[in-house]
C-alpha atoms as a PDB file:
ATOM      1  CA  MET A   1      -0.310   0.262  -0.236  1.00  0.00           C
ATOM      2  CA  LEU A   2       2.679   2.155   0.512  1.00  0.00           C
ATOM      3  CA  GLN A   3       3.771   2.293  -3.451  1.00  0.00           C
ATOM      4  CA  ILE A   4      -0.489   3.829  -3.719  1.00  0.00           C
ATOM      5  CA  GLU A   5       0.084   5.936  -1.024  1.00  0.00           C
ATOM      6  CA  LEU A   6       3.054   7.409  -2.713  1.00  0.00           C
ATOM      7  CA  LEU A   7       1.748   7.535  -6.321  1.00  0.00           C
ATOM      8  CA  SER A   8      -0.799   9.557  -4.803  1.00  0.00           C
ATOM      9  CA  ARG A   9       1.386  12.298  -4.488  1.00  0.00           C
ATOM     10  CA  LEU A  10       3.517  12.097  -7.695  1.00  0.00           C
ATOM     11  CA  ASN A  11       2.605  14.818  -9.096  1.00  0.00           C
ATOM     12  CA  HIS A  12       3.998  15.676 -13.140  1.00  0.00           C
ATOM     13  CA  CYS A  13       2.495  16.755 -16.366  1.00  0.00           C
ATOM     14  CA  HIS A  14       2.918  13.549 -18.123  1.00  0.00           C
ATOM     15  CA  VAL A  15       1.172  11.278 -15.079  1.00  0.00           C
ATOM     16  CA  VAL A  16      -2.166  11.243 -15.165  1.00  0.00           C
ATOM     17  CA  THR A  17      -3.355  11.564 -11.107  1.00  0.00           C
ATOM     18  CA  LEU A  18      -4.110   9.177  -9.047  1.00  0.00           C
ATOM     19  CA  LEU A  19      -7.909   9.117  -6.974  1.00  0.00           C
ATOM     20  CA  GLY A  20      -7.680   6.615  -5.213  1.00  0.00           C
ATOM     21  CA  TYR A  21      -7.565   2.607  -5.044  1.00  0.00           C
ATOM     22  CA  CYS A  22     -10.518  -0.453  -4.082  1.00  0.00           C
ATOM     23  CA  LEU A  23      -9.670  -3.876  -2.958  1.00  0.00           C
ATOM     24  CA  GLU A  24     -12.394  -6.730  -3.134  1.00  0.00           C
ATOM     25  CA  VAL A  25     -12.215 -10.067  -2.030  1.00  0.00           C
ATOM     26  CA  GLN A  26     -14.560 -12.556  -4.040  1.00  0.00           C
ATOM     27  CA  GLY A  27     -13.682 -15.801  -2.309  1.00  0.00           C
ATOM     28  CA  ARG A  28      -9.780 -16.694  -2.387  1.00  0.00           C
ATOM     29  CA  GLN A  29      -9.718 -13.613  -5.548  1.00  0.00           C
ATOM     30  CA  LEU A  30      -8.436 -10.376  -4.177  1.00  0.00           C
ATOM     31  CA  GLU A  31      -9.098  -7.872  -6.416  1.00  0.00           C
ATOM     32  CA  ARG A  32      -7.352  -4.760  -7.202  1.00  0.00           C
ATOM     33  CA  LEU A  33      -8.707  -1.383  -8.834  1.00  0.00           C
ATOM     34  CA  LEU A  34      -7.252   2.205  -9.397  1.00  0.00           C
ATOM     35  CA  VAL A  35      -9.054   5.407  -9.629  1.00  0.00           C
ATOM     36  CA  ILE A  36      -7.154   7.679 -11.993  1.00  0.00           C
ATOM     37  CA  GLN A  37      -7.955  10.951 -13.449  1.00  0.00           C
ATOM     38  CA  SER A  38      -9.846  10.665 -16.875  1.00  0.00           C
ATOM     39  CA  VAL A  39      -7.483  11.591 -20.095  1.00  0.00           C
ATOM     40  CA  THR A  40      -9.248  13.036 -23.404  1.00  0.00           C
END
């Protein structure tokens, strides 16, 4: 989780902004999702 916290603080014009994340456990499977800034 330290990497996600560091990425959320990163601010550079060539990198999309990390807005958040989600962890979900279904049985024995772990799903990880990153929420990033939309690029148009």
